[in-house]
Amino acid sequence: MWLEKLEKVHLGKTNAEISNLNLQFELHVAIYIIEILKDILMFDIVDGDLSISLIENKKEIDEDKFFCWWQIKRYSQVQSEEKKLIDSFEGVRKKVDKLQKSLPKNEEGDSETDKEKKEKKEKKITDINTKLSKLANYMNKEGPLLKHKLTLLSNFRNTYPNRVSLESILKLIKFYLENTDN
């Protein structure tokens, strides 16, 4: 869930405004956070104050509940996605190890006089090597993508790690909403 949202925003697939964000600018970060959270939370200005509402039940939450949600629920959800990605990649690595261990070995005492046995052994070695090659290609291709995905998730997971920084982004979101036509 979070990875999909982050990738959409980073690839500019949400809207044109998002594709031009520079996250070194404070208001751009406010737009980024609004965009990432838009399916979960709605930010609005009500009677001059920032209103935060849960999309699923339209229930308004205060900054304290938002802070708890941010640091507990969102954090654990992002961390869970990171773990799934790592576990999936590790599963492939374990398959490689298992295949490598299943490769038949030529023992010094092997006479290999039985032609049929020898051909079966060679075919098994060829099949295993083909599978290993495919898995190695997959790992070489997916390794950098996995690293990128984990970096996206980790950066987001560790964003606004304390109350002061989170209050700061909420002030920026309020400022942005007050001063734009959104």
C-alpha atoms as a PDB file:
ATOM      1  CA  MET A   1       0.000   0.000   0.000  1.00  0.00           C
ATOM      2  CA  TRP A   2       2.572   2.590   1.071  1.00  0.00           C
ATOM      3  CA  LEU A   3       5.103   1.595  -1.551  1.00  0.00           C
ATOM      4  CA  GLU A   4       2.493   1.955  -4.277  1.00  0.00           C
ATOM      5  CA  LYS A   5       1.586   5.455  -3.043  1.00  0.00           C
ATOM      6  CA  LEU A   6       5.220   6.515  -2.757  1.00  0.00           C
ATOM      7  CA  GLU A   7       6.113   5.210  -6.204  1.00  0.00           C
ATOM      8  CA  LYS A   8       3.147   6.962  -7.809  1.00  0.00           C
ATOM      9  CA  VAL A   9       4.157  10.267  -6.268  1.00  0.00           C
ATOM     10  CA  HIS A  10       7.848   9.832  -7.044  1.00  0.00           C
ATOM     11  CA  LEU A  11       7.096   8.933 -10.651  1.00  0.00           C
ATOM     12  CA  GLY A  12       4.692  11.875 -10.955  1.00  0.00           C
ATOM     13  CA  LYS A  13       1.764   9.603 -11.825  1.00  0.00           C
ATOM     14  CA  THR A  14      -0.682  11.349  -9.516  1.00  0.00           C
ATOM     15  CA  ASN A  15      -0.900  14.776 -11.150  1.00  0.00           C
ATOM     16  CA  ALA A  16       1.279  17.281 -12.974  1.00  0.00           C
ATOM     17  CA  GLU A  17       1.887  19.419  -9.903  1.00  0.00           C
ATOM     18  CA  ILE A  18       3.400  16.495  -8.020  1.00  0.00           C
ATOM     19  CA  SER A  19       5.907  15.645 -10.743  1.00  0.00           C
ATOM     20  CA  ASN A  20       7.532  19.063 -10.293  1.00  0.00           C
ATOM     21  CA  LEU A  21       8.046  18.873  -6.532  1.00  0.00           C
ATOM     22  CA  ASN A  22      11.399  19.721  -5.019  1.00  0.00           C
ATOM     23  CA  LEU A  23      11.421  18.196  -1.547  1.00  0.00           C
ATOM     24  CA  GLN A  24      13.977  20.718  -0.356  1.00  0.00           C
ATOM     25  CA  PHE A  25      11.167  23.302  -0.336  1.00  0.00           C
ATOM     26  CA  GLU A  26       8.947  23.221   2.760  1.00  0.00           C
ATOM     27  CA  LEU A  27       5.659  23.806   0.955  1.00  0.00           C
ATOM     28  CA  HIS A  28       6.557  21.145  -1.600  1.00  0.00           C
ATOM     29  CA  VAL A  29       6.945  18.711   1.279  1.00  0.00           C
ATOM     30  CA  ALA A  30       3.504  19.742   2.550  1.00  0.00           C
ATOM     31  CA  ILE A  31       2.031  19.000  -0.896  1.00  0.00           C
ATOM     32  CA  TYR A  32       3.906  15.691  -0.938  1.00  0.00           C
ATOM     33  CA  ILE A  33       2.498  14.641   2.450  1.00  0.00           C
ATOM     34  CA  ILE A  34      -1.041  15.679   1.456  1.00  0.00           C
ATOM     35  CA  GLU A  35      -0.710  13.652  -1.760  1.00  0.00           C
ATOM     36  CA  ILE A  36       0.691  10.550  -0.044  1.00  0.00           C
ATOM     37  CA  LEU A  37      -2.038  10.595   2.599  1.00  0.00           C
ATOM     38  CA  LYS A  38      -4.975  11.675   0.401  1.00  0.00           C
ATOM     39  CA  ASP A  39      -6.573   8.199   0.358  1.00  0.00           C
ATOM     40  CA  ILE A  40      -6.344   7.918   4.136  1.00  0.00           C
ATOM     41  CA  LEU A  41      -6.651  11.429   5.526  1.00  0.00           C
ATOM     42  CA  MET A  42      -8.231  14.640   4.357  1.00  0.00           C
ATOM     43  CA  PHE A  43      -6.732  17.933   5.369  1.00  0.00           C
ATOM     44  CA  ASP A  44      -8.973  20.985   5.344  1.00  0.00           C
ATOM     45  CA  ILE A  45      -9.326  24.398   6.939  1.00  0.00           C
ATOM     46  CA  VAL A  46     -12.394  24.735   9.171  1.00  0.00           C
ATOM     47  CA  ASP A  47     -12.992  27.997  11.046  1.00  0.00           C
ATOM     48  CA  GLY A  48      -9.349  28.955  10.527  1.00  0.00           C
ATOM     49  CA  ASP A  49      -7.984  25.710  11.992  1.00  0.00           C
ATOM     50  CA  LEU A  50      -6.507  22.660  10.330  1.00  0.00           C
ATOM     51  CA  SER A  51      -8.979  19.803  10.246  1.00  0.00           C
ATOM     52  CA  ILE A  52      -7.736  16.233   9.787  1.00  0.00           C
ATOM     53  CA  SER A  53     -10.325  13.593   8.941  1.00  0.00           C
ATOM     54  CA  LEU A  54     -10.053   9.878   8.348  1.00  0.00           C
ATOM     55  CA  ILE A  55     -11.375   9.136   4.851  1.00  0.00           C
ATOM     56  CA  GLU A  56     -12.786   5.687   5.690  1.00  0.00           C
ATOM     57  CA  ASN A  57     -15.235   6.906   8.342  1.00  0.00           C
ATOM     58  CA  LYS A  58     -15.126  10.696   7.838  1.00  0.00           C
ATOM     59  CA  LYS A  59     -14.188  11.004  11.509  1.00  0.00           C
ATOM     60  CA  GLU A  60     -12.189  14.066  12.468  1.00  0.00           C
ATOM     61  CA  ILE A  61      -9.055  13.433  14.501  1.00  0.00           C
ATOM     62  CA  ASP A  62      -7.046  15.927  16.514  1.00  0.00           C
ATOM     63  CA  GLU A  63      -3.296  16.450  16.299  1.00  0.00           C
ATOM     64  CA  ASP A  64      -2.673  14.071  19.208  1.00  0.00           C
ATOM     65  CA  LYS A  65      -4.488  11.216  17.461  1.00  0.00           C
ATOM     66  CA  PHE A  66      -2.722  12.110  14.220  1.00  0.00           C
ATOM     67  CA  PHE A  67       0.618  11.987  16.049  1.00  0.00           C
ATOM     68  CA  CYS A  68      -0.223   8.534  17.458  1.00  0.00           C
ATOM     69  CA  TRP A  69      -1.415   7.311  14.063  1.00  0.00           C
ATOM     70  CA  TRP A  70       1.721   8.665  12.386  1.00  0.00           C
ATOM     71  CA  GLN A  71       4.178   7.164  14.826  1.00  0.00           C
ATOM     72  CA  ILE A  72       2.433   3.876  15.583  1.00  0.00           C
ATOM     73  CA  LYS A  73       0.079   2.686  12.859  1.00  0.00           C
ATOM     74  CA  ARG A  74       1.716   4.241   9.784  1.00  0.00           C
ATOM     75  CA  TYR A  75       5.176   3.350  11.038  1.00  0.00           C
ATOM     76  CA  SER A  76       4.286  -0.315  11.598  1.00  0.00           C
ATOM     77  CA  GLN A  77       2.490  -0.543   8.236  1.00  0.00           C
ATOM     78  CA  VAL A  78       5.531   0.806   6.389  1.00  0.00           C
ATOM     79  CA  GLN A  79       7.865  -1.437   8.371  1.00  0.00           C
ATOM     80  CA  SER A  80       5.652  -4.431   7.562  1.00  0.00           C
ATOM     81  CA  GLU A  81       5.880  -3.658   3.832  1.00  0.00           C
ATOM     82  CA  GLU A  82       9.664  -3.441   4.102  1.00  0.00           C
ATOM     83  CA  LYS A  83       9.755  -6.842   5.810  1.00  0.00           C
ATOM     84  CA  LYS A  84       7.590  -8.443   3.085  1.00  0.00           C
ATOM     85  CA  LEU A  85       9.923  -7.150   0.371  1.00  0.00           C
ATOM     86  CA  ILE A  86      12.996  -8.399   2.198  1.00  0.00           C
ATOM     87  CA  ASP A  87      11.401 -11.780   2.960  1.00  0.00           C
ATOM     88  CA  SER A  88      10.399 -12.208  -0.679  1.00  0.00           C
ATOM     89  CA  PHE A  89      13.930 -11.506  -1.891  1.00  0.00           C
ATOM     90  CA  GLU A  90      15.397 -13.741   0.808  1.00  0.00           C
ATOM     91  CA  GLY A  91      13.068 -16.514  -0.376  1.00  0.00           C
ATOM     92  CA  VAL A  92      14.706 -16.363  -3.798  1.00  0.00           C
ATOM     93  CA  ARG A  93      18.139 -16.402  -2.177  1.00  0.00           C
ATOM     94  CA  LYS A  94      17.172 -19.518  -0.192  1.00  0.00           C
ATOM     95  CA  LYS A  95      15.998 -21.207  -3.408  1.00  0.00           C
ATOM     96  CA  VAL A  96      19.407 -20.504  -4.924  1.00  0.00           C
ATOM     97  CA  ASP A  97      21.146 -22.010  -1.898  1.00  0.00           C
ATOM     98  CA  LYS A  98      18.884 -25.076  -1.988  1.00  0.00           C
ATOM     99  CA  LEU A  99      19.505 -25.598  -5.712  1.00  0.00           C
ATOM    100  CA  GLN A 100      23.255 -25.223  -5.262  1.00  0.00           C
ATOM    101  CA  LYS A 101      23.220 -27.841  -2.522  1.00  0.00           C
ATOM    102  CA  SER A 102      21.201 -30.209  -4.722  1.00  0.00           C
ATOM    103  CA  LEU A 103      23.773 -30.175  -7.518  1.00  0.00           C
ATOM    104  CA  PRO A 104      25.164 -33.692  -7.944  1.00  0.00           C
ATOM    105  CA  LYS A 105      28.825 -33.924  -7.141  1.00  0.00           C
ATOM    106  CA  ASN A 106      31.364 -36.044  -8.942  1.00  0.00           C
ATOM    107  CA  GLU A 107      32.863 -38.314  -6.371  1.00  0.00           C
ATOM    108  CA  GLU A 108      36.371 -39.642  -6.965  1.00  0.00           C
ATOM    109  CA  GLY A 109      35.105 -43.188  -6.722  1.00  0.00           C
ATOM    110  CA  ASP A 110      32.387 -42.639  -9.370  1.00  0.00           C
ATOM    111  CA  SER A 111      33.011 -44.881 -12.322  1.00  0.00           C
ATOM    112  CA  GLU A 112      30.140 -43.440 -14.334  1.00  0.00           C
ATOM    113  CA  THR A 113      30.182 -46.555 -16.452  1.00  0.00           C
ATOM    114  CA  ASP A 114      26.425 -46.647 -16.694  1.00  0.00           C
ATOM    115  CA  LYS A 115      25.757 -44.332 -19.639  1.00  0.00           C
ATOM    116  CA  GLU A 116      22.107 -43.787 -18.681  1.00  0.00           C
ATOM    117  CA  LYS A 117      23.053 -42.785 -15.116  1.00  0.00           C
ATOM    118  CA  LYS A 118      25.687 -40.423 -16.446  1.00  0.00           C
ATOM    119  CA  GLU A 119      23.214 -38.772 -18.851  1.00  0.00           C
ATOM    120  CA  LYS A 120      20.620 -38.355 -16.073  1.00  0.00           C
ATOM    121  CA  LYS A 121      23.209 -36.760 -13.837  1.00  0.00           C
ATOM    122  CA  GLU A 122      24.356 -34.397 -16.607  1.00  0.00           C
ATOM    123  CA  LYS A 123      20.742 -33.466 -17.422  1.00  0.00           C
ATOM    124  CA  LYS A 124      20.048 -32.759 -13.744  1.00  0.00           C
ATOM    125  CA  ILE A 125      23.160 -30.570 -13.550  1.00  0.00           C
ATOM    126  CA  THR A 126      22.114 -28.715 -16.716  1.00  0.00           C
ATOM    127  CA  ASP A 127      18.558 -28.199 -15.423  1.00  0.00           C
ATOM    128  CA  ILE A 128      19.762 -26.940 -12.060  1.00  0.00           C
ATOM    129  CA  ASN A 129      22.305 -24.629 -13.683  1.00  0.00           C
ATOM    130  CA  THR A 130      19.562 -23.214 -15.932  1.00  0.00           C
ATOM    131  CA  LYS A 131      17.361 -22.547 -12.905  1.00  0.00           C
ATOM    132  CA  LEU A 132      20.297 -21.010 -11.036  1.00  0.00           C
ATOM    133  CA  SER A 133      21.055 -18.785 -13.998  1.00  0.00           C
ATOM    134  CA  LYS A 134      17.448 -17.568 -14.171  1.00  0.00           C
ATOM    135  CA  LEU A 135      17.370 -16.903 -10.440  1.00  0.00           C
ATOM    136  CA  ALA A 136      20.712 -15.092 -10.601  1.00  0.00           C
ATOM    137  CA  ASN A 137      19.419 -12.904 -13.435  1.00  0.00           C
ATOM    138  CA  TYR A 138      16.274 -12.190 -11.431  1.00  0.00           C
ATOM    139  CA  MET A 139      18.316 -11.250  -8.356  1.00  0.00           C
ATOM    140  CA  ASN A 140      20.664  -9.050 -10.375  1.00  0.00           C
ATOM    141  CA  LYS A 141      17.702  -7.280 -11.953  1.00  0.00           C
ATOM    142  CA  GLU A 142      15.547  -7.043  -8.822  1.00  0.00           C
ATOM    143  CA  GLY A 143      18.344  -6.262  -6.342  1.00  0.00           C
ATOM    144  CA  PRO A 144      18.705  -2.586  -7.306  1.00  0.00           C
ATOM    145  CA  LEU A 145      14.909  -2.219  -7.584  1.00  0.00           C
ATOM    146  CA  LEU A 146      14.510  -3.729  -4.132  1.00  0.00           C
ATOM    147  CA  LYS A 147      17.105  -1.329  -2.748  1.00  0.00           C
ATOM    148  CA  HIS A 148      15.234   1.610  -4.309  1.00  0.00           C
ATOM    149  CA  LYS A 149      11.897   0.422  -2.912  1.00  0.00           C
ATOM    150  CA  LEU A 150      13.361  -0.123   0.546  1.00  0.00           C
ATOM    151  CA  THR A 151      14.934   3.335   0.450  1.00  0.00           C
ATOM    152  CA  LEU A 152      11.583   4.923  -0.449  1.00  0.00           C
ATOM    153  CA  LEU A 153       9.850   3.090   2.367  1.00  0.00           C
ATOM    154  CA  SER A 154      12.610   3.713   4.888  1.00  0.00           C
ATOM    155  CA  ASN A 155      12.774   7.423   4.109  1.00  0.00           C
ATOM    156  CA  PHE A 156       9.019   7.725   4.496  1.00  0.00           C
ATOM    157  CA  ARG A 157       8.956   5.571   7.639  1.00  0.00           C
ATOM    158  CA  ASN A 158      11.544   7.824   9.274  1.00  0.00           C
ATOM    159  CA  THR A 159       9.959  11.095   8.143  1.00  0.00           C
ATOM    160  CA  TYR A 160       8.908  13.437  10.955  1.00  0.00           C
ATOM    161  CA  PRO A 161      10.147  11.244  13.787  1.00  0.00           C
ATOM    162  CA  ASN A 162       9.210  13.580  16.626  1.00  0.00           C
ATOM    163  CA  ARG A 163       6.311  15.734  17.720  1.00  0.00           C
ATOM    164  CA  VAL A 164       8.031  19.030  16.926  1.00  0.00           C
ATOM    165  CA  SER A 165       8.788  18.026  13.333  1.00  0.00           C
ATOM    166  CA  LEU A 166       5.282  16.654  12.829  1.00  0.00           C
ATOM    167  CA  GLU A 167       3.728  19.847  14.213  1.00  0.00           C
ATOM    168  CA  SER A 168       5.939  21.753  11.789  1.00  0.00           C
ATOM    169  CA  ILE A 169       4.609  19.873   8.741  1.00  0.00           C
ATOM    170  CA  LEU A 170       1.030  20.310   9.970  1.00  0.00           C
ATOM    171  CA  LYS A 171       1.613  24.075  10.175  1.00  0.00           C
ATOM    172  CA  LEU A 172       2.969  24.007   6.638  1.00  0.00           C
ATOM    173  CA  ILE A 173      -0.027  21.992   5.420  1.00  0.00           C
ATOM    174  CA  LYS A 174      -2.344  24.526   7.062  1.00  0.00           C
ATOM    175  CA  PHE A 175      -0.405  27.421   5.507  1.00  0.00           C
ATOM    176  CA  TYR A 176      -0.518  25.759   2.089  1.00  0.00           C
ATOM    177  CA  LEU A 177      -4.268  25.101   2.283  1.00  0.00           C
ATOM    178  CA  GLU A 178      -4.984  28.652   3.471  1.00  0.00           C
ATOM    179  CA  ASN A 179      -3.010  30.189   0.642  1.00  0.00           C
ATOM    180  CA  THR A 180      -4.017  28.083  -2.363  1.00  0.00           C
ATOM    181  CA  ASP A 181      -7.228  27.400  -4.227  1.00  0.00           C
ATOM    182  CA  ASN A 182      -7.114  23.644  -3.491  1.00  0.00           C
END
